[in-house]
Amino acid sequence: MITYSRFLIEVLAVSLCALLSCGNAVADDTVKVASIYALTGVAANATGTSVRGIRAAIRDINSRGGVLGKKVELLELDNHSTPIGSKVAADQAVRADVVAILGASWSSHSLAAA
């Protein structure tokens, strides 16, 4: 049986491989991705597991040589447990030219970021 963390690592790796050709967020040796989660505020306790899981997945992927030989760089953004915080964080991620955005975990936060 595949554990959830193993599944997360596999999904993240496959997604990054697919997205490598979609933008300019690939430096010579890194692939930039962003995560938008509540690091502060009322939702922080509810999203802590997801944040730790993403960090662990990135560490694991990088320890195995990265994605297509490129290290994954994670930009962690705090939505402050608010929909507007998610929108601001998504705008920051776009300006940072990332290839993928992971999160936000609450639908009201995800819709605002979209």
PDB file of N, CA and C in Angstrom:
ATOM      1  N   MET A   1       0.833  -1.181   0.000  1.00  0.00           N
ATOM      2  CA  MET A   1       0.000   0.000   0.000  1.00  0.00           C
ATOM      3  C   MET A   1       0.880   1.247   0.000  1.00  0.00           C
ATOM      4  N   ILE A   2       0.571   2.162  -0.894  1.00  0.00           N
ATOM      5  CA  ILE A   2       1.335   3.403  -0.974  1.00  0.00           C
ATOM      6  C   ILE A   2       0.860   4.345   0.124  1.00  0.00           C
ATOM      7  N   THR A   3       1.799   4.880   0.880  1.00  0.00           N
ATOM      8  CA  THR A   3       1.431   5.833   1.921  1.00  0.00           C
ATOM      9  C   THR A   3       1.136   7.180   1.286  1.00  0.00           C
ATOM     10  N   TYR A   4       0.442   8.024   2.046  1.00  0.00           N
ATOM     11  CA  TYR A   4       0.075   9.339   1.536  1.00  0.00           C
ATOM     12  C   TYR A   4       1.308  10.163   1.193  1.00  0.00           C
ATOM     13  N   SER A   5       2.332  10.128   2.036  1.00  0.00           N
ATOM     14  CA  SER A   5       3.531  10.932   1.761  1.00  0.00           C
ATOM     15  C   SER A   5       4.237  10.435   0.505  1.00  0.00           C
ATOM     16  N   ARG A   6       4.288   9.145   0.312  1.00  0.00           N
ATOM     17  CA  ARG A   6       4.895   8.583  -0.900  1.00  0.00           C
ATOM     18  C   ARG A   6       4.093   9.022  -2.125  1.00  0.00           C
ATOM     19  N   PHE A   7       2.774   8.977  -2.004  1.00  0.00           N
ATOM     20  CA  PHE A   7       1.897   9.414  -3.083  1.00  0.00           C
ATOM     21  C   PHE A   7       2.134  10.890  -3.394  1.00  0.00           C
ATOM     22  N   LEU A   8       2.243  11.724  -2.357  1.00  0.00           N
ATOM     23  CA  LEU A   8       2.489  13.152  -2.536  1.00  0.00           C
ATOM     24  C   LEU A   8       3.803  13.393  -3.266  1.00  0.00           C
ATOM     25  N   ILE A   9       4.836  12.664  -2.891  1.00  0.00           N
ATOM     26  CA  ILE A   9       6.142  12.797  -3.541  1.00  0.00           C
ATOM     27  C   ILE A   9       6.036  12.430  -5.019  1.00  0.00           C
ATOM     28  N   GLU A  10       5.359  11.336  -5.317  1.00  0.00           N
ATOM     29  CA  GLU A  10       5.229  10.898  -6.703  1.00  0.00           C
ATOM     30  C   GLU A  10       4.426  11.891  -7.534  1.00  0.00           C
ATOM     31  N   VAL A  11       3.329  12.381  -6.985  1.00  0.00           N
ATOM     32  CA  VAL A  11       2.505  13.353  -7.704  1.00  0.00           C
ATOM     33  C   VAL A  11       3.284  14.635  -7.949  1.00  0.00           C
ATOM     34  N   LEU A  12       4.002  15.101  -6.936  1.00  0.00           N
ATOM     35  CA  LEU A  12       4.792  16.316  -7.076  1.00  0.00           C
ATOM     36  C   LEU A  12       5.880  16.140  -8.130  1.00  0.00           C
ATOM     37  N   ALA A  13       6.567  15.021  -8.116  1.00  0.00           N
ATOM     38  CA  ALA A  13       7.637  14.776  -9.087  1.00  0.00           C
ATOM     39  C   ALA A  13       7.092  14.716 -10.508  1.00  0.00           C
ATOM     40  N   VAL A  14       5.995  14.009 -10.711  1.00  0.00           N
ATOM     41  CA  VAL A  14       5.401  13.902 -12.042  1.00  0.00           C
ATOM     42  C   VAL A  14       4.903  15.265 -12.508  1.00  0.00           C
ATOM     43  N   SER A  15       4.272  16.005 -11.609  1.00  0.00           N
ATOM     44  CA  SER A  15       3.769  17.332 -11.961  1.00  0.00           C
ATOM     45  C   SER A  15       4.901  18.263 -12.356  1.00  0.00           C
ATOM     46  N   LEU A  16       5.984  18.219 -11.613  1.00  0.00           N
ATOM     47  CA  LEU A  16       7.116  19.087 -11.931  1.00  0.00           C
ATOM     48  C   LEU A  16       7.738  18.725 -13.267  1.00  0.00           C
ATOM     49  N   CYS A  17       7.825  17.443 -13.555  1.00  0.00           N
ATOM     50  CA  CYS A  17       8.358  17.021 -14.859  1.00  0.00           C
ATOM     51  C   CYS A  17       7.491  17.575 -15.985  1.00  0.00           C
ATOM     52  N   ALA A  18       6.185  17.511 -15.821  1.00  0.00           N
ATOM     53  CA  ALA A  18       5.274  17.996 -16.850  1.00  0.00           C
ATOM     54  C   ALA A  18       5.349  19.507 -17.006  1.00  0.00           C
ATOM     55  N   LEU A  19       5.605  20.207 -15.914  1.00  0.00           N
ATOM     56  CA  LEU A  19       5.606  21.664 -15.947  1.00  0.00           C
ATOM     57  C   LEU A  19       6.939  22.287 -16.329  1.00  0.00           C
ATOM     58  N   LEU A  20       7.984  21.509 -16.407  1.00  0.00           N
ATOM     59  CA  LEU A  20       9.302  22.074 -16.703  1.00  0.00           C
ATOM     60  C   LEU A  20       9.328  22.846 -18.015  1.00  0.00           C
ATOM     61  N   SER A  21       8.524  22.442 -18.963  1.00  0.00           N
ATOM     62  CA  SER A  21       8.548  23.111 -20.263  1.00  0.00           C
ATOM     63  C   SER A  21       7.518  24.225 -20.377  1.00  0.00           C
ATOM     64  N   CYS A  22       6.807  24.532 -19.300  1.00  0.00           N
ATOM     65  CA  CYS A  22       5.706  25.490 -19.373  1.00  0.00           C
ATOM     66  C   CYS A  22       6.081  26.931 -19.073  1.00  0.00           C
ATOM     67  N   GLY A  23       7.268  27.211 -18.618  1.00  0.00           N
ATOM     68  CA  GLY A  23       7.571  28.590 -18.273  1.00  0.00           C
ATOM     69  C   GLY A  23       9.050  28.829 -18.123  1.00  0.00           C
ATOM     70  N   ASN A  24       9.349  30.003 -17.618  1.00  0.00           N
ATOM     71  CA  ASN A  24      10.732  30.417 -17.440  1.00  0.00           C
ATOM     72  C   ASN A  24      11.237  30.177 -16.033  1.00  0.00           C
ATOM     73  N   ALA A  25      10.525  29.447 -15.224  1.00  0.00           N
ATOM     74  CA  ALA A  25      10.895  29.273 -13.823  1.00  0.00           C
ATOM     75  C   ALA A  25      11.969  28.219 -13.624  1.00  0.00           C
ATOM     76  N   VAL A  26      12.592  27.809 -14.683  1.00  0.00           N
ATOM     77  CA  VAL A  26      13.649  26.817 -14.586  1.00  0.00           C
ATOM     78  C   VAL A  26      14.985  27.524 -14.788  1.00  0.00           C
ATOM     79  N   ALA A  27      15.721  27.673 -13.711  1.00  0.00           N
ATOM     80  CA  ALA A  27      17.073  28.214 -13.827  1.00  0.00           C
ATOM     81  C   ALA A  27      17.966  27.091 -14.335  1.00  0.00           C
ATOM     82  N   ASP A  28      19.238  27.352 -14.447  1.00  0.00           N
ATOM     83  CA  ASP A  28      20.146  26.320 -14.936  1.00  0.00           C
ATOM     84  C   ASP A  28      20.095  25.058 -14.094  1.00  0.00           C
ATOM     85  N   ASP A  29      19.900  25.216 -12.783  1.00  0.00           N
ATOM     86  CA  ASP A  29      19.968  24.045 -11.911  1.00  0.00           C
ATOM     87  C   ASP A  29      18.818  23.935 -10.915  1.00  0.00           C
ATOM     88  N   THR A  30      17.769  24.757 -11.046  1.00  0.00           N
ATOM     89  CA  THR A  30      16.646  24.689 -10.108  1.00  0.00           C
ATOM     90  C   THR A  30      15.304  24.809 -10.824  1.00  0.00           C
ATOM     91  N   VAL A  31      14.279  24.287 -10.158  1.00  0.00           N
ATOM     92  CA  VAL A  31      12.891  24.431 -10.570  1.00  0.00           C
ATOM     93  C   VAL A  31      12.178  25.100  -9.408  1.00  0.00           C
ATOM     94  N   LYS A  32      11.523  26.239  -9.662  1.00  0.00           N
ATOM     95  CA  LYS A  32      10.862  26.982  -8.591  1.00  0.00           C
ATOM     96  C   LYS A  32       9.384  26.616  -8.499  1.00  0.00           C
ATOM     97  N   VAL A  33       8.951  26.237  -7.299  1.00  0.00           N
ATOM     98  CA  VAL A  33       7.540  26.005  -7.013  1.00  0.00           C
ATOM     99  C   VAL A  33       7.175  26.801  -5.767  1.00  0.00           C
ATOM    100  N   ALA A  34       5.897  27.125  -5.638  1.00  0.00           N
ATOM    101  CA  ALA A  34       5.429  27.873  -4.472  1.00  0.00           C
ATOM    102  C   ALA A  34       4.380  27.061  -3.735  1.00  0.00           C
ATOM    103  N   SER A  35       4.307  27.272  -2.436  1.00  0.00           N
ATOM    104  CA  SER A  35       3.205  26.721  -1.649  1.00  0.00           C
ATOM    105  C   SER A  35       2.515  27.884  -0.955  1.00  0.00           C
ATOM    106  N   ILE A  36       1.186  27.850  -0.978  1.00  0.00           N
ATOM    107  CA  ILE A  36       0.385  28.876  -0.315  1.00  0.00           C
ATOM    108  C   ILE A  36      -0.460  28.176   0.737  1.00  0.00           C
ATOM    109  N   TYR A  37      -0.108  28.391   1.975  1.00  0.00           N
ATOM    110  CA  TYR A  37      -0.838  27.802   3.096  1.00  0.00           C
ATOM    111  C   TYR A  37      -0.900  28.795   4.236  1.00  0.00           C
ATOM    112  N   ALA A  38      -1.789  28.535   5.170  1.00  0.00           N
ATOM    113  CA  ALA A  38      -1.898  29.356   6.373  1.00  0.00           C
ATOM    114  C   ALA A  38      -0.755  28.981   7.306  1.00  0.00           C
ATOM    115  N   LEU A  39       0.252  29.814   7.343  1.00  0.00           N
ATOM    116  CA  LEU A  39       1.359  29.612   8.276  1.00  0.00           C
ATOM    117  C   LEU A  39       1.087  30.344   9.582  1.00  0.00           C
ATOM    118  N   THR A  40       0.182  31.320   9.522  1.00  0.00           N
ATOM    119  CA  THR A  40      -0.253  32.072  10.706  1.00  0.00           C
ATOM    120  C   THR A  40      -1.772  32.187  10.665  1.00  0.00           C
ATOM    121  N   GLY A  41      -2.362  32.554  11.786  1.00  0.00           N
ATOM    122  CA  GLY A  41      -3.805  32.753  11.844  1.00  0.00           C
ATOM    123  C   GLY A  41      -4.556  31.499  12.251  1.00  0.00           C
ATOM    124  N   VAL A  42      -5.886  31.579  12.156  1.00  0.00           N
ATOM    125  CA  VAL A  42      -6.749  30.523  12.683  1.00  0.00           C
ATOM    126  C   VAL A  42      -6.610  29.193  11.947  1.00  0.00           C
ATOM    127  N   ALA A  43      -6.220  29.208  10.690  1.00  0.00           N
ATOM    128  CA  ALA A  43      -6.119  27.968   9.912  1.00  0.00           C
ATOM    129  C   ALA A  43      -4.743  27.318   9.998  1.00  0.00           C
ATOM    130  N   ALA A  44      -3.808  27.955  10.674  1.00  0.00           N
ATOM    131  CA  ALA A  44      -2.428  27.447  10.695  1.00  0.00           C
ATOM    132  C   ALA A  44      -2.339  26.031  11.258  1.00  0.00           C
ATOM    133  N   ASN A  45      -3.082  25.743  12.311  1.00  0.00           N
ATOM    134  CA  ASN A  45      -3.035  24.395  12.887  1.00  0.00           C
ATOM    135  C   ASN A  45      -3.578  23.350  11.926  1.00  0.00           C
ATOM    136  N   ALA A  46      -4.576  23.717  11.135  1.00  0.00           N
ATOM    137  CA  ALA A  46      -5.196  22.766  10.215  1.00  0.00           C
ATOM    138  C   ALA A  46      -4.320  22.468   9.004  1.00  0.00           C
ATOM    139  N   THR A  47      -3.443  23.382   8.640  1.00  0.00           N
ATOM    140  CA  THR A  47      -2.639  23.193   7.431  1.00  0.00           C
ATOM    141  C   THR A  47      -1.205  22.753   7.716  1.00  0.00           C
ATOM    142  N   GLY A  48      -0.856  22.641   8.976  1.00  0.00           N
ATOM    143  CA  GLY A  48       0.515  22.286   9.346  1.00  0.00           C
ATOM    144  C   GLY A  48       0.997  20.981   8.744  1.00  0.00           C
ATOM    145  N   THR A  49       0.142  19.972   8.708  1.00  0.00           N
ATOM    146  CA  THR A  49       0.527  18.676   8.155  1.00  0.00           C
ATOM    147  C   THR A  49       0.849  18.786   6.667  1.00  0.00           C
ATOM    148  N   SER A  50       0.041  19.542   5.939  1.00  0.00           N
ATOM    149  CA  SER A  50       0.297  19.726   4.510  1.00  0.00           C
ATOM    150  C   SER A  50       1.618  20.437   4.272  1.00  0.00           C
ATOM    151  N   VAL A  51       1.877  21.471   5.054  1.00  0.00           N
ATOM    152  CA  VAL A  51       3.125  22.233   4.910  1.00  0.00           C
ATOM    153  C   VAL A  51       4.324  21.334   5.184  1.00  0.00           C
ATOM    154  N   ARG A  52       4.257  20.570   6.264  1.00  0.00           N
ATOM    155  CA  ARG A  52       5.363  19.664   6.590  1.00  0.00           C
ATOM    156  C   ARG A  52       5.516  18.583   5.523  1.00  0.00           C
ATOM    157  N   GLY A  53       4.409  18.113   4.964  1.00  0.00           N
ATOM    158  CA  GLY A  53       4.462  17.102   3.909  1.00  0.00           C
ATOM    159  C   GLY A  53       5.130  17.616   2.647  1.00  0.00           C
ATOM    160  N   ILE A  54       4.834  18.851   2.277  1.00  0.00           N
ATOM    161  CA  ILE A  54       5.463  19.445   1.093  1.00  0.00           C
ATOM    162  C   ILE A  54       6.955  19.613   1.321  1.00  0.00           C
ATOM    163  N   ARG A  55       7.324  20.113   2.493  1.00  0.00           N
ATOM    164  CA  ARG A  55       8.753  20.271   2.804  1.00  0.00           C
ATOM    165  C   ARG A  55       9.476  18.928   2.726  1.00  0.00           C
ATOM    166  N   ALA A  56       8.855  17.892   3.294  1.00  0.00           N
ATOM    167  CA  ALA A  56       9.466  16.556   3.276  1.00  0.00           C
ATOM    168  C   ALA A  56       9.573  16.028   1.848  1.00  0.00           C
ATOM    169  N   ALA A  57       8.538  16.249   1.052  1.00  0.00           N
ATOM    170  CA  ALA A  57       8.560  15.779  -0.334  1.00  0.00           C
ATOM    171  C   ALA A  57       9.662  16.469  -1.130  1.00  0.00           C
ATOM    172  N   ILE A  58       9.807  17.773  -0.945  1.00  0.00           N
ATOM    173  CA  ILE A  58      10.857  18.517  -1.654  1.00  0.00           C
ATOM    174  C   ILE A  58      12.234  18.024  -1.224  1.00  0.00           C
ATOM    175  N   ARG A  59      12.418  17.834   0.086  1.00  0.00           N
ATOM    176  CA  ARG A  59      13.707  17.314   0.575  1.00  0.00           C
ATOM    177  C   ARG A  59      14.003  15.952  -0.044  1.00  0.00           C
ATOM    178  N   ASP A  60      12.988  15.089  -0.080  1.00  0.00           N
ATOM    179  CA  ASP A  60      13.172  13.745  -0.627  1.00  0.00           C
ATOM    180  C   ASP A  60      13.490  13.797  -2.119  1.00  0.00           C
ATOM    181  N   ILE A  61      12.754  14.596  -2.852  1.00  0.00           N
ATOM    182  CA  ILE A  61      12.996  14.726  -4.293  1.00  0.00           C
ATOM    183  C   ILE A  61      14.406  15.240  -4.541  1.00  0.00           C
ATOM    184  N   ASN A  62      14.811  16.271  -3.793  1.00  0.00           N
ATOM    185  CA  ASN A  62      16.155  16.834  -3.981  1.00  0.00           C
ATOM    186  C   ASN A  62      17.250  15.858  -3.568  1.00  0.00           C
ATOM    187  N   SER A  63      16.991  15.058  -2.528  1.00  0.00           N
ATOM    188  CA  SER A  63      18.006  14.090  -2.096  1.00  0.00           C
ATOM    189  C   SER A  63      18.203  12.978  -3.120  1.00  0.00           C
ATOM    190  N   ARG A  64      17.221  12.794  -3.982  1.00  0.00           N
ATOM    191  CA  ARG A  64      17.306  11.774  -5.030  1.00  0.00           C
ATOM    192  C   ARG A  64      17.767  12.359  -6.366  1.00  0.00           C
ATOM    193  N   GLY A  65      18.264  13.581  -6.326  1.00  0.00           N
ATOM    194  CA  GLY A  65      18.780  14.185  -7.555  1.00  0.00           C
ATOM    195  C   GLY A  65      17.868  15.198  -8.201  1.00  0.00           C
ATOM    196  N   GLY A  66      16.744  15.494  -7.563  1.00  0.00           N
ATOM    197  CA  GLY A  66      15.835  16.500  -8.102  1.00  0.00           C
ATOM    198  C   GLY A  66      14.928  15.953  -9.182  1.00  0.00           C
ATOM    199  N   VAL A  67      14.458  16.849 -10.025  1.00  0.00           N
ATOM    200  CA  VAL A  67      13.575  16.508 -11.136  1.00  0.00           C
ATOM    201  C   VAL A  67      14.347  16.744 -12.424  1.00  0.00           C
ATOM    202  N   LEU A  68      14.578  15.674 -13.151  1.00  0.00           N
ATOM    203  CA  LEU A  68      15.379  15.735 -14.376  1.00  0.00           C
ATOM    204  C   LEU A  68      16.727  16.394 -14.111  1.00  0.00           C
ATOM    205  N   GLY A  69      17.285  16.073 -12.937  1.00  0.00           N
ATOM    206  CA  GLY A  69      18.597  16.582 -12.567  1.00  0.00           C
ATOM    207  C   GLY A  69      18.609  17.987 -12.001  1.00  0.00           C
ATOM    208  N   LYS A  70      17.443  18.595 -11.843  1.00  0.00           N
ATOM    209  CA  LYS A  70      17.353  19.955 -11.315  1.00  0.00           C
ATOM    210  C   LYS A  70      16.786  19.930  -9.901  1.00  0.00           C
ATOM    211  N   LYS A  71      17.380  20.711  -9.012  1.00  0.00           N
ATOM    212  CA  LYS A  71      16.891  20.809  -7.639  1.00  0.00           C
ATOM    213  C   LYS A  71      15.590  21.601  -7.625  1.00  0.00           C
ATOM    214  N   VAL A  72      14.690  21.240  -6.717  1.00  0.00           N
ATOM    215  CA  VAL A  72      13.427  21.944  -6.555  1.00  0.00           C
ATOM    216  C   VAL A  72      13.602  22.989  -5.460  1.00  0.00           C
ATOM    217  N   GLU A  73      13.254  24.232  -5.781  1.00  0.00           N
ATOM    218  CA  GLU A  73      13.317  25.340  -4.832  1.00  0.00           C
ATOM    219  C   GLU A  73      11.892  25.686  -4.421  1.00  0.00           C
ATOM    220  N   LEU A  74      11.622  25.668  -3.120  1.00  0.00           N
ATOM    221  CA  LEU A  74      10.279  25.929  -2.610  1.00  0.00           C
ATOM    222  C   LEU A  74      10.180  27.352  -2.084  1.00  0.00           C
ATOM    223  N   LEU A  75       9.204  28.089  -2.588  1.00  0.00           N
ATOM    224  CA  LEU A  75       8.876  29.419  -2.095  1.00  0.00           C
ATOM    225  C   LEU A  75       7.630  29.274  -1.230  1.00  0.00           C
ATOM    226  N   GLU A  76       7.785  29.382   0.085  1.00  0.00           N
ATOM    227  CA  GLU A  76       6.658  29.236   1.007  1.00  0.00           C
ATOM    228  C   GLU A  76       6.010  30.594   1.233  1.00  0.00           C
ATOM    229  N   LEU A  77       4.711  30.664   0.953  1.00  0.00           N
ATOM    230  CA  LEU A  77       3.965  31.906   1.114  1.00  0.00           C
ATOM    231  C   LEU A  77       2.844  31.706   2.122  1.00  0.00           C
ATOM    232  N   ASP A  78       2.658  32.677   2.993  1.00  0.00           N
ATOM    233  CA  ASP A  78       1.653  32.630   4.057  1.00  0.00           C
ATOM    234  C   ASP A  78       0.414  33.395   3.608  1.00  0.00           C
ATOM    235  N   ASN A  79      -0.746  32.728   3.626  1.00  0.00           N
ATOM    236  CA  ASN A  79      -1.982  33.426   3.278  1.00  0.00           C
ATOM    237  C   ASN A  79      -2.666  34.045   4.500  1.00  0.00           C
ATOM    238  N   HIS A  80      -2.048  33.945   5.643  1.00  0.00           N
ATOM    239  CA  HIS A  80      -2.536  34.543   6.895  1.00  0.00           C
ATOM    240  C   HIS A  80      -3.964  34.090   7.233  1.00  0.00           C
ATOM    241  N   SER A  81      -4.332  32.908   6.757  1.00  0.00           N
ATOM    242  CA  SER A  81      -5.652  32.316   7.029  1.00  0.00           C
ATOM    243  C   SER A  81      -6.795  33.136   6.449  1.00  0.00           C
ATOM    244  N   THR A  82      -6.548  33.846   5.347  1.00  0.00           N
ATOM    245  CA  THR A  82      -7.602  34.659   4.731  1.00  0.00           C
ATOM    246  C   THR A  82      -7.617  34.463   3.219  1.00  0.00           C
ATOM    247  N   PRO A  83      -8.789  34.603   2.603  1.00  0.00           N
ATOM    248  CA  PRO A  83      -8.857  34.530   1.146  1.00  0.00           C
ATOM    249  C   PRO A  83      -8.022  35.623   0.469  1.00  0.00           C
ATOM    250  N   ILE A  84      -8.081  36.848   0.975  1.00  0.00           N
ATOM    251  CA  ILE A  84      -7.297  37.921   0.364  1.00  0.00           C
ATOM    252  C   ILE A  84      -5.802  37.637   0.505  1.00  0.00           C
ATOM    253  N   GLY A  85      -5.415  37.016   1.609  1.00  0.00           N
ATOM    254  CA  GLY A  85      -4.017  36.623   1.781  1.00  0.00           C
ATOM    255  C   GLY A  85      -3.592  35.614   0.726  1.00  0.00           C
ATOM    256  N   SER A  86      -4.510  34.725   0.343  1.00  0.00           N
ATOM    257  CA  SER A  86      -4.216  33.754  -0.715  1.00  0.00           C
ATOM    258  C   SER A  86      -4.047  34.439  -2.059  1.00  0.00           C
ATOM    259  N   LYS A  87      -4.892  35.437  -2.333  1.00  0.00           N
ATOM    260  CA  LYS A  87      -4.765  36.178  -3.590  1.00  0.00           C
ATOM    261  C   LYS A  87      -3.435  36.918  -3.645  1.00  0.00           C
ATOM    262  N   VAL A  88      -3.069  37.585  -2.560  1.00  0.00           N
ATOM    263  CA  VAL A  88      -1.794  38.306  -2.506  1.00  0.00           C
ATOM    264  C   VAL A  88      -0.631  37.329  -2.691  1.00  0.00           C
ATOM    265  N   ALA A  89      -0.702  36.181  -2.016  1.00  0.00           N
ATOM    266  CA  ALA A  89       0.361  35.178  -2.127  1.00  0.00           C
ATOM    267  C   ALA A  89       0.449  34.621  -3.546  1.00  0.00           C
ATOM    268  N   ALA A  90      -0.696  34.386  -4.184  1.00  0.00           N
ATOM    269  CA  ALA A  90      -0.693  33.886  -5.564  1.00  0.00           C
ATOM    270  C   ALA A  90      -0.061  34.908  -6.505  1.00  0.00           C
ATOM    271  N   ASP A  91      -0.368  36.176  -6.293  1.00  0.00           N
ATOM    272  CA  ASP A  91       0.256  37.231  -7.100  1.00  0.00           C
ATOM    273  C   ASP A  91       1.772  37.235  -6.904  1.00  0.00           C
ATOM    274  N   GLN A  92       2.216  37.052  -5.666  1.00  0.00           N
ATOM    275  CA  GLN A  92       3.656  36.993  -5.385  1.00  0.00           C
ATOM    276  C   GLN A  92       4.293  35.797  -6.096  1.00  0.00           C
ATOM    277  N   ALA A  93       3.601  34.671  -6.079  1.00  0.00           N
ATOM    278  CA  ALA A  93       4.127  33.465  -6.733  1.00  0.00           C
ATOM    279  C   ALA A  93       4.263  33.677  -8.237  1.00  0.00           C
ATOM    280  N   VAL A  94       3.264  34.308  -8.838  1.00  0.00           N
ATOM    281  CA  VAL A  94       3.317  34.574 -10.275  1.00  0.00           C
ATOM    282  C   VAL A  94       4.482  35.510 -10.593  1.00  0.00           C
ATOM    283  N   ARG A  95       4.657  36.550  -9.790  1.00  0.00           N
ATOM    284  CA  ARG A  95       5.777  37.477 -10.006  1.00  0.00           C
ATOM    285  C   ARG A  95       7.128  36.784  -9.813  1.00  0.00           C
ATOM    286  N   ALA A  96       7.153  35.755  -8.964  1.00  0.00           N
ATOM    287  CA  ALA A  96       8.393  34.999  -8.737  1.00  0.00           C
ATOM    288  C   ALA A  96       8.649  33.996  -9.858  1.00  0.00           C
ATOM    289  N   ASP A  97       7.696  33.876 -10.786  1.00  0.00           N
ATOM    290  CA  ASP A  97       7.858  33.034 -11.973  1.00  0.00           C
ATOM    291  C   ASP A  97       8.040  31.559 -11.624  1.00  0.00           C
ATOM    292  N   VAL A  98       7.165  31.050 -10.752  1.00  0.00           N
ATOM    293  CA  VAL A  98       7.224  29.637 -10.382  1.00  0.00           C
ATOM    294  C   VAL A  98       6.514  28.799 -11.446  1.00  0.00           C
ATOM    295  N   VAL A  99       6.832  27.504 -11.503  1.00  0.00           N
ATOM    296  CA  VAL A  99       6.173  26.621 -12.471  1.00  0.00           C
ATOM    297  C   VAL A  99       4.910  25.994 -11.909  1.00  0.00           C
ATOM    298  N   ALA A 100       4.758  25.991 -10.583  1.00  0.00           N
ATOM    299  CA  ALA A 100       3.585  25.380  -9.963  1.00  0.00           C
ATOM    300  C   ALA A 100       3.314  26.038  -8.623  1.00  0.00           C
ATOM    301  N   ILE A 101       2.025  26.051  -8.254  1.00  0.00           N
ATOM    302  CA  ILE A 101       1.610  26.552  -6.946  1.00  0.00           C
ATOM    303  C   ILE A 101       0.857  25.427  -6.247  1.00  0.00           C
ATOM    304  N   LEU A 102       1.291  25.083  -5.053  1.00  0.00           N
ATOM    305  CA  LEU A 102       0.644  24.057  -4.235  1.00  0.00           C
ATOM    306  C   LEU A 102      -0.163  24.750  -3.153  1.00  0.00           C
ATOM    307  N   GLY A 103      -1.396  24.295  -2.904  1.00  0.00           N
ATOM    308  CA  GLY A 103      -2.256  24.894  -1.897  1.00  0.00           C
ATOM    309  C   GLY A 103      -3.284  25.765  -2.596  1.00  0.00           C
ATOM    310  N   ALA A 104      -4.014  26.513  -1.943  1.00  0.00           N
ATOM    311  CA  ALA A 104      -4.278  26.566  -0.511  1.00  0.00           C
ATOM    312  C   ALA A 104      -5.291  25.487  -0.154  1.00  0.00           C
ATOM    313  N   SER A 105      -5.356  25.145   1.106  1.00  0.00           N
ATOM    314  CA  SER A 105      -6.134  23.968   1.467  1.00  0.00           C
ATOM    315  C   SER A 105      -7.621  24.231   1.673  1.00  0.00           C
ATOM    316  N   TRP A 106      -8.030  25.431   1.953  1.00  0.00           N
ATOM    317  CA  TRP A 106      -9.457  25.723   2.129  1.00  0.00           C
ATOM    318  C   TRP A 106     -10.022  26.255   0.820  1.00  0.00           C
ATOM    319  N   SER A 107     -11.241  25.862   0.477  1.00  0.00           N
ATOM    320  CA  SER A 107     -11.805  26.243  -0.816  1.00  0.00           C
ATOM    321  C   SER A 107     -11.925  27.753  -0.967  1.00  0.00           C
ATOM    322  N   SER A 108     -12.301  28.460   0.086  1.00  0.00           N
ATOM    323  CA  SER A 108     -12.418  29.919  -0.021  1.00  0.00           C
ATOM    324  C   SER A 108     -11.063  30.553  -0.302  1.00  0.00           C
ATOM    325  N   HIS A 109     -10.006  29.966   0.221  1.00  0.00           N
ATOM    326  CA  HIS A 109      -8.658  30.475  -0.029  1.00  0.00           C
ATOM    327  C   HIS A 109      -8.211  30.123  -1.448  1.00  0.00           C
ATOM    328  N   SER A 110      -8.517  28.914  -1.896  1.00  0.00           N
ATOM    329  CA  SER A 110      -8.124  28.482  -3.243  1.00  0.00           C
ATOM    330  C   SER A 110      -8.853  29.282  -4.316  1.00  0.00           C
ATOM    331  N   LEU A 111     -10.142  29.523  -4.113  1.00  0.00           N
ATOM    332  CA  LEU A 111     -10.905  30.293  -5.093  1.00  0.00           C
ATOM    333  C   LEU A 111     -10.374  31.710  -5.216  1.00  0.00           C
ATOM    334  N   ALA A 112     -10.008  32.316  -4.102  1.00  0.00           N
ATOM    335  CA  ALA A 112      -9.463  33.676  -4.142  1.00  0.00           C
ATOM    336  C   ALA A 112      -8.129  33.705  -4.871  1.00  0.00           C
ATOM    337  N   ALA A 113      -7.339  32.665  -4.708  1.00  0.00           N
ATOM    338  CA  ALA A 113      -6.028  32.607  -5.360  1.00  0.00           C
ATOM    339  C   ALA A 113      -6.163  32.371  -6.861  1.00  0.00           C
ATOM    340  N   ALA A 114      -7.236  31.696  -7.261  1.00  0.00           N
ATOM    341  CA  ALA A 114      -7.431  31.385  -8.679  1.00  0.00           C
ATOM    342  C   ALA A 114      -7.728  32.631  -9.466  1.00  0.00           C
TER     343      ALA A 114
END
